[in-house]
Protein backbone atom coordinates (compact mmCIF):
# COMPACT_ATOMS: atom_id res chain seq x y z
CA MET A 1 -0.05 0.03 -0.06
CA LYS A 2 1.23 3.61 -0.82
CA LYS A 3 1.37 6.19 1.71
CA ILE A 4 0.49 9.79 0.38
CA ILE A 5 -0.16 13.10 2.09
CA LEU A 6 -2.55 15.10 0.01
CA ASP A 7 -1.85 18.79 0.06
CA CYS A 8 -4.86 20.45 -1.54
CA ASP A 9 -7.11 23.57 -1.87
CA PRO A 10 -10.75 22.00 -2.12
CA GLY A 11 -12.14 22.79 -4.77
CA HIS A 12 -14.28 20.23 -6.73
CA ASP A 13 -11.47 18.38 -8.26
CA ASP A 14 -9.63 18.54 -5.10
CA ALA A 15 -12.75 16.88 -3.52
CA MET A 16 -12.73 14.07 -6.19
CA ALA A 17 -8.98 13.48 -5.51
CA ILE A 18 -9.80 13.00 -1.66
CA LEU A 19 -12.35 10.47 -2.78
CA LEU A 20 -9.92 8.73 -4.97
CA ALA A 21 -7.23 8.39 -2.53
CA HIS A 22 -9.51 7.35 0.23
CA GLY A 23 -11.37 4.71 -1.77
CA SER A 24 -8.41 3.24 -3.50
CA PRO A 25 -7.34 -0.03 -1.86
CA GLU A 26 -3.61 0.84 -3.26
CA ILE A 27 -3.43 4.20 -1.01
CA GLU A 28 -3.20 4.90 2.54
CA LEU A 29 -4.14 8.38 3.01
CA VAL A 30 -1.99 9.55 5.93
CA ALA A 31 -2.96 13.08 6.11
CA ILE A 32 -4.97 15.79 4.17
CA THR A 33 -3.44 19.33 4.45
CA THR A 34 -5.18 22.38 3.20
CA VAL A 35 -3.69 25.66 1.55
CA ALA A 36 -5.45 28.63 0.27
CA GLY A 37 -5.83 28.62 -3.56
CA ASN A 38 -9.24 27.86 -5.09
CA GLN A 39 -10.51 29.72 -2.30
CA THR A 40 -9.44 31.13 1.16
CA LEU A 41 -7.77 28.68 3.99
CA ASP A 42 -10.76 28.84 6.13
CA LYS A 43 -12.90 27.67 3.11
CA THR A 44 -10.63 25.28 1.70
CA SER A 45 -10.09 23.65 5.25
CA LEU A 46 -13.85 23.64 5.86
CA ASN A 47 -14.42 21.89 2.46
CA ALA A 48 -11.93 19.22 3.21
CA ARG A 49 -13.77 18.68 6.43
CA ARG A 50 -17.14 18.39 4.74
CA VAL A 51 -15.83 15.82 2.10
CA CYS A 52 -14.38 13.82 4.84
CA THR A 53 -17.70 13.86 6.72
CA VAL A 54 -19.56 12.90 3.90
CA ALA A 55 -17.25 10.08 2.92
CA GLY A 56 -16.84 8.72 6.46
CA ILE A 57 -13.14 9.60 6.47
CA ARG A 58 -12.44 9.62 10.41
CA ASP A 59 -8.86 8.10 10.89
CA VAL A 60 -6.95 10.75 8.48
CA LEU A 61 -5.20 13.83 9.88
CA VAL A 62 -6.63 17.12 8.27
CA ALA A 63 -4.53 20.02 9.08
CA ALA A 64 -4.81 23.64 7.85
CA GLY A 65 -1.66 25.28 6.37
CA CYS A 66 -0.45 28.54 4.77
CA ASP A 67 -3.24 31.22 4.23
CA ARG A 68 -1.33 33.13 1.49
CA PRO A 69 1.43 32.73 -1.02
CA LEU A 70 5.11 33.27 0.00
CA ILE A 71 5.36 36.93 -1.15
CA ARG A 72 2.35 37.48 -3.27
CA GLU A 73 -1.43 38.58 -2.35
CA LEU A 74 -3.48 35.68 -2.82
CA LYS A 75 -5.75 35.05 -5.91
CA THR A 76 -8.73 32.52 -5.71
CA ALA A 77 -10.74 30.85 -8.45
CA ALA A 78 -14.35 31.77 -7.16
CA TYR A 79 -15.27 31.97 -10.82
CA ILE A 80 -14.70 28.49 -11.28
CA HIS A 81 -15.35 26.90 -7.74
CA GLY A 82 -18.04 29.38 -6.35
CA GLU A 83 -17.93 31.64 -3.28
CA SER A 84 -17.83 28.62 -0.90
CA GLY A 85 -14.93 26.92 -3.05
CA LEU A 86 -17.26 23.88 -3.11
CA ASP A 87 -20.66 25.21 -4.51
CA GLY A 88 -23.20 23.00 -5.80
CA PRO A 89 -23.92 20.12 -3.12
CA SER A 90 -25.61 21.09 0.43
CA PHE A 91 -23.47 19.92 3.22
CA GLY A 92 -24.43 19.72 6.95
CA GLU A 93 -22.03 20.54 9.72
CA PRO A 94 -18.90 18.63 9.28
CA THR A 95 -18.04 16.29 11.99
CA VAL A 96 -14.43 15.83 11.21
CA ALA A 97 -12.07 18.16 13.10
CA LEU A 98 -8.80 19.91 12.12
CA ASP A 99 -5.61 18.79 13.79
CA PRO A 100 -4.27 21.53 15.80
CA ARG A 101 -0.97 21.37 14.03
CA HIS A 102 0.01 23.68 11.40
CA ALA A 103 0.00 21.69 8.06
CA VAL A 104 3.66 22.55 7.22
CA ASP A 105 4.70 21.39 10.88
CA LEU A 106 2.53 18.11 10.23
CA ILE A 107 4.15 17.42 6.83
CA ILE A 108 7.54 17.79 8.33
CA GLU A 109 6.84 15.47 11.32
CA LEU A 110 5.33 12.93 9.26
CA LEU A 111 7.93 12.77 6.80
CA MET A 112 10.85 12.66 9.44
CA GLN A 113 9.16 9.88 11.25
CA SER A 114 8.56 7.95 8.09
CA ASN A 115 10.68 5.20 6.64
CA GLY A 116 11.00 7.28 3.27
CA ASP A 117 7.69 5.84 1.98
CA ILE A 118 5.47 8.65 1.90
CA THR A 119 4.71 10.41 -1.41
CA LEU A 120 3.55 14.09 -1.32
CA VAL A 121 0.63 14.85 -3.65
CA PRO A 122 0.15 18.49 -3.86
CA THR A 123 -3.08 19.61 -6.07
CA GLY A 124 -3.05 23.09 -4.98
CA PRO A 125 -0.49 26.19 -4.91
CA LEU A 126 2.82 24.70 -3.46
CA THR A 127 3.17 27.13 -0.51
CA ASN A 128 2.83 24.60 2.01
CA ILE A 129 5.36 22.26 0.36
CA ALA A 130 7.71 25.01 -0.11
CA MET A 131 7.47 26.23 3.32
CA ALA A 132 8.13 22.65 4.70
CA VAL A 133 11.33 22.45 2.51
CA ARG A 134 12.54 25.79 3.87
CA LYS A 135 11.92 24.91 7.32
CA GLU A 136 13.18 21.33 7.38
CA PRO A 137 15.37 20.64 4.28
CA ARG A 138 15.97 17.16 5.33
CA ILE A 139 12.36 16.12 4.10
CA ILE A 140 13.86 16.20 0.53
CA GLN A 141 15.62 12.98 1.28
CA LYS A 142 12.87 11.59 3.46
CA ALA A 143 9.84 11.78 0.75
CA ARG A 144 9.53 8.77 -1.53
CA GLU A 145 8.74 11.26 -4.49
CA ILE A 146 6.39 14.33 -5.16
CA VAL A 147 3.47 14.04 -7.66
CA LEU A 148 1.92 17.37 -8.10
CA MET A 149 -1.25 18.70 -10.07
CA GLY A 150 0.17 21.97 -11.77
CA GLY A 151 1.76 23.52 -14.70
CA ALA A 152 1.63 22.85 -18.29
CA TYR A 153 3.95 22.50 -21.26
CA THR A 154 1.72 24.33 -23.93
CA ARG A 155 -0.58 26.89 -22.60
CA GLY A 156 -2.06 28.05 -19.24
CA ASN A 157 -5.52 28.35 -18.01
CA THR A 158 -5.42 31.40 -15.80
CA THR A 159 -3.14 33.33 -18.01
CA PRO A 160 -2.07 32.34 -21.74
CA ALA A 161 1.24 31.12 -20.06
CA ALA A 162 0.41 29.89 -16.57
CA GLU A 163 -1.74 27.15 -14.87
CA PHE A 164 -3.54 28.31 -11.89
CA ASN A 165 -1.76 26.41 -9.04
CA ILE A 166 1.59 27.51 -10.22
CA TYR A 167 0.29 31.10 -11.07
CA VAL A 168 -0.82 31.62 -7.39
CA ASP A 169 2.53 31.12 -5.95
CA PRO A 170 5.29 30.79 -8.52
CA GLU A 171 8.10 31.21 -5.97
CA ALA A 172 6.83 28.41 -3.86
CA ALA A 173 6.78 26.42 -7.18
CA ALA A 174 10.30 27.30 -8.09
CA ILE A 175 11.41 25.93 -4.49
CA VAL A 176 9.68 22.65 -5.01
CA PHE A 177 10.96 22.19 -8.57
CA THR A 178 14.68 22.67 -7.74
CA ALA A 179 14.71 20.89 -4.35
CA GLY A 180 16.14 17.93 -5.99
CA TRP A 181 13.65 15.15 -5.28
CA PRO A 182 11.82 12.84 -7.59
CA LEU A 183 9.02 14.89 -9.07
CA THR A 184 6.11 14.14 -11.56
CA MET A 185 4.29 17.11 -13.10
CA VAL A 186 0.64 16.41 -14.00
CA GLY A 187 -0.22 19.36 -15.88
CA LEU A 188 -3.21 20.69 -17.89
CA ASP A 189 -1.93 18.96 -21.06
CA LEU A 190 -2.75 15.67 -19.24
CA THR A 191 -5.54 16.63 -17.07
CA HIS A 192 -7.76 18.13 -20.01
CA GLN A 193 -7.82 14.45 -21.14
CA ALA A 194 -9.70 13.47 -17.84
CA LEU A 195 -13.18 14.77 -18.81
CA ALA A 196 -16.30 13.92 -16.79
CA THR A 197 -18.47 13.16 -19.58
CA PRO A 198 -22.29 12.45 -19.39
CA ALA A 199 -21.37 8.73 -19.65
CA VAL A 200 -18.94 9.07 -16.91
CA LEU A 201 -21.51 10.71 -14.68
CA GLN A 202 -23.99 8.09 -15.37
CA ARG A 203 -21.68 5.37 -14.28
CA ILE A 204 -21.01 7.22 -10.98
CA ALA A 205 -24.75 8.10 -10.49
CA ALA A 206 -25.68 4.54 -10.90
CA LEU A 207 -23.73 3.63 -7.74
CA GLY A 208 -26.66 5.23 -5.80
CA THR A 209 -24.67 5.97 -2.72
CA PRO A 210 -24.32 9.39 -0.96
CA VAL A 211 -20.89 9.70 -1.97
CA SER A 212 -21.70 9.02 -5.79
CA ARG A 213 -24.55 11.63 -5.39
CA LEU A 214 -21.76 14.03 -3.84
CA ALA A 215 -19.53 13.41 -6.91
CA VAL A 216 -22.14 14.01 -9.47
CA GLN A 217 -23.45 17.14 -7.96
CA LEU A 218 -19.82 18.29 -7.72
CA MET A 219 -19.29 17.67 -11.52
CA GLU A 220 -22.55 19.23 -12.62
CA PHE A 221 -21.62 22.56 -10.93
CA PHE A 222 -18.11 22.10 -12.15
CA ARG A 223 -19.32 21.57 -15.65
CA GLU A 224 -21.39 24.82 -15.72
CA THR A 225 -18.65 27.02 -14.89
CA TYR A 226 -16.15 25.27 -16.96
CA ARG A 227 -18.68 25.86 -19.71
CA ARG A 228 -19.10 29.40 -19.18
CA ASN A 229 -15.74 30.41 -18.37
CA SER A 230 -13.67 27.92 -20.55
CA GLY A 231 -15.90 26.64 -23.15
CA PHE A 232 -15.44 22.99 -22.20
CA ASP A 233 -18.74 20.79 -22.67
CA SER A 234 -17.66 18.50 -19.97
CA PRO A 235 -15.03 19.70 -17.20
CA PRO A 236 -11.66 18.25 -16.74
CA VAL A 237 -11.04 16.53 -13.45
CA HIS A 238 -7.47 17.63 -12.81
CA ASP A 239 -6.45 16.79 -9.50
CA PRO A 240 -7.31 12.96 -9.20
CA CYS A 241 -5.04 12.66 -12.10
CA ALA A 242 -2.10 13.09 -9.74
CA VAL A 243 -3.50 10.78 -7.10
CA ALA A 244 -4.09 8.09 -10.03
CA ARG A 245 -0.50 8.48 -11.04
CA VAL A 246 0.47 6.93 -7.61
CA ILE A 247 -2.16 4.22 -7.55
CA ASP A 248 -0.90 3.18 -11.19
CA PRO A 249 1.92 4.64 -12.91
CA LYS A 250 0.63 2.96 -16.08
CA VAL A 251 -2.50 5.05 -16.24
CA MET A 252 -0.35 7.99 -17.85
CA HIS A 253 2.69 8.17 -20.04
CA CYS A 254 5.46 10.50 -18.75
CA VAL A 255 8.45 11.86 -20.40
CA ASP A 256 11.53 13.12 -18.69
CA ALA A 257 12.06 17.05 -18.76
CA PHE A 258 13.86 20.05 -17.37
CA VAL A 259 11.05 22.33 -16.01
CA ALA A 260 11.90 25.84 -14.98
CA ILE A 261 9.22 28.27 -13.11
CA GLU A 262 8.90 31.79 -14.48
CA THR A 263 8.64 34.38 -11.58
CA HIS A 264 9.60 37.50 -13.21
CA GLY A 265 7.81 37.70 -16.51
CA GLU A 266 5.65 40.53 -17.14
CA PHE A 267 3.21 38.31 -19.21
CA THR A 268 4.63 34.73 -18.24
CA SER A 269 4.78 34.73 -14.45
CA GLY A 270 3.95 31.22 -13.21
CA MET A 271 4.90 29.61 -16.53
CA THR A 272 6.26 26.07 -16.28
CA VAL A 273 8.91 26.47 -19.13
CA THR A 274 9.29 22.77 -20.05
CA ASP A 275 12.41 21.69 -22.19
CA PHE A 276 12.13 17.91 -23.53
CA SER A 277 15.30 18.37 -25.32
CA GLY A 278 17.98 19.17 -22.71
CA ARG A 279 19.00 22.50 -23.92
CA LEU A 280 18.15 24.45 -20.79
CA GLY A 281 19.25 21.96 -18.03
CA PRO A 282 19.38 18.57 -16.73
CA THR A 283 16.25 16.43 -16.15
CA ASN A 284 14.28 17.56 -13.05
CA ALA A 285 10.90 16.28 -13.52
CA GLN A 286 8.75 13.61 -15.25
CA VAL A 287 5.95 15.43 -17.27
CA ALA A 288 2.89 13.46 -17.77
CA THR A 289 1.77 13.75 -21.49
CA LYS A 290 -0.90 10.90 -22.27
CA LEU A 291 -3.67 9.61 -20.02
CA ASP A 292 -5.19 6.08 -20.47
CA VAL A 293 -8.78 7.60 -20.04
CA ALA A 294 -10.65 4.37 -19.55
CA ARG A 295 -8.23 3.07 -16.88
CA PHE A 296 -8.47 6.64 -15.08
CA TRP A 297 -12.27 6.58 -14.71
CA ASP A 298 -12.19 2.90 -13.62
CA LEU A 299 -10.05 3.69 -10.88
CA MET A 300 -12.28 6.51 -10.09
CA VAL A 301 -15.62 4.75 -10.21
CA ASP A 302 -14.23 1.97 -8.33
CA ALA A 303 -13.04 4.20 -5.43
CA ILE A 304 -16.36 5.89 -5.22
CA GLU A 305 -18.14 2.48 -5.26
CA ARG A 306 -15.58 1.16 -2.48
CA ILE A 307 -16.34 3.84 0.00
CA GLY A 308 -19.95 2.66 -0.29
CA ALA A 309 -22.59 4.42 2.05
CA PRO A 310 -21.17 5.85 5.07
CA ALA A 311 -23.44 6.56 7.94
CA VAL A 312 -22.95 10.53 7.66
CA ARG A 313 -24.56 11.69 4.75
CA ALA A 314 -24.63 15.13 2.85
CA SER A 315 -27.88 17.09 3.61
């Protein structure tokens, strides 16, 4: 079983990533840490607790982390995720509490106590991970690898050059990408292949559980905001792709590359400059390029089915 810390900013697709990690028999979800990104930290932390409550996730540490980027003002994505960060479903009061530790301290503690067998899976801005590296550099050798959702090697979704997670805190991303640990970038070029089509939503709805209903409600709201803002008929489900890479590396093809983070460009800040030819520097990342779509959705549907019908339901 593969141990992961899921560092996220829920967010609709982050919620799906939580469900995939919890429901997969291949994953031990050690902790969920939250960061400001899709919405402010109070909202992303509340949303993590909401998803955990509905899914019956009781034995996983949930800790709140950084409430702003390292040096920049926070930019959120309410235009995609709504004012709550998880608009669409109606939630009751969450029954899962936050751990009193700061997420950065929890990440450091868990990695330093580990046998080098924990993978970091960040699906939001990389502020928590960068802060942990700065506070305790030894975690670079203690982490098994880092598999992150972020970046793109063609074009962005927040600016023409930059994907949202990297754009929000490019300085943090620069720290993470230059740390020297095994790193996989699961960016937009890959995640735009993971579309929650009507056929996919029918498969999930047919499971008939509270968690499957939650997933469908999330994706229905996500579909409308993506259609309105980005012209997608079906929404791309970004964040679970990073979890899927850990579960089954064969679910996607990756290519070795040198990736640099642009932090100063007038029009390119947050760009993941990706060199597949070795002209700019030595390889520092594997970059995901091609998704086995059927295999991915089989993993997602199976995980939701395995969660079943926890006693606590969405209202």
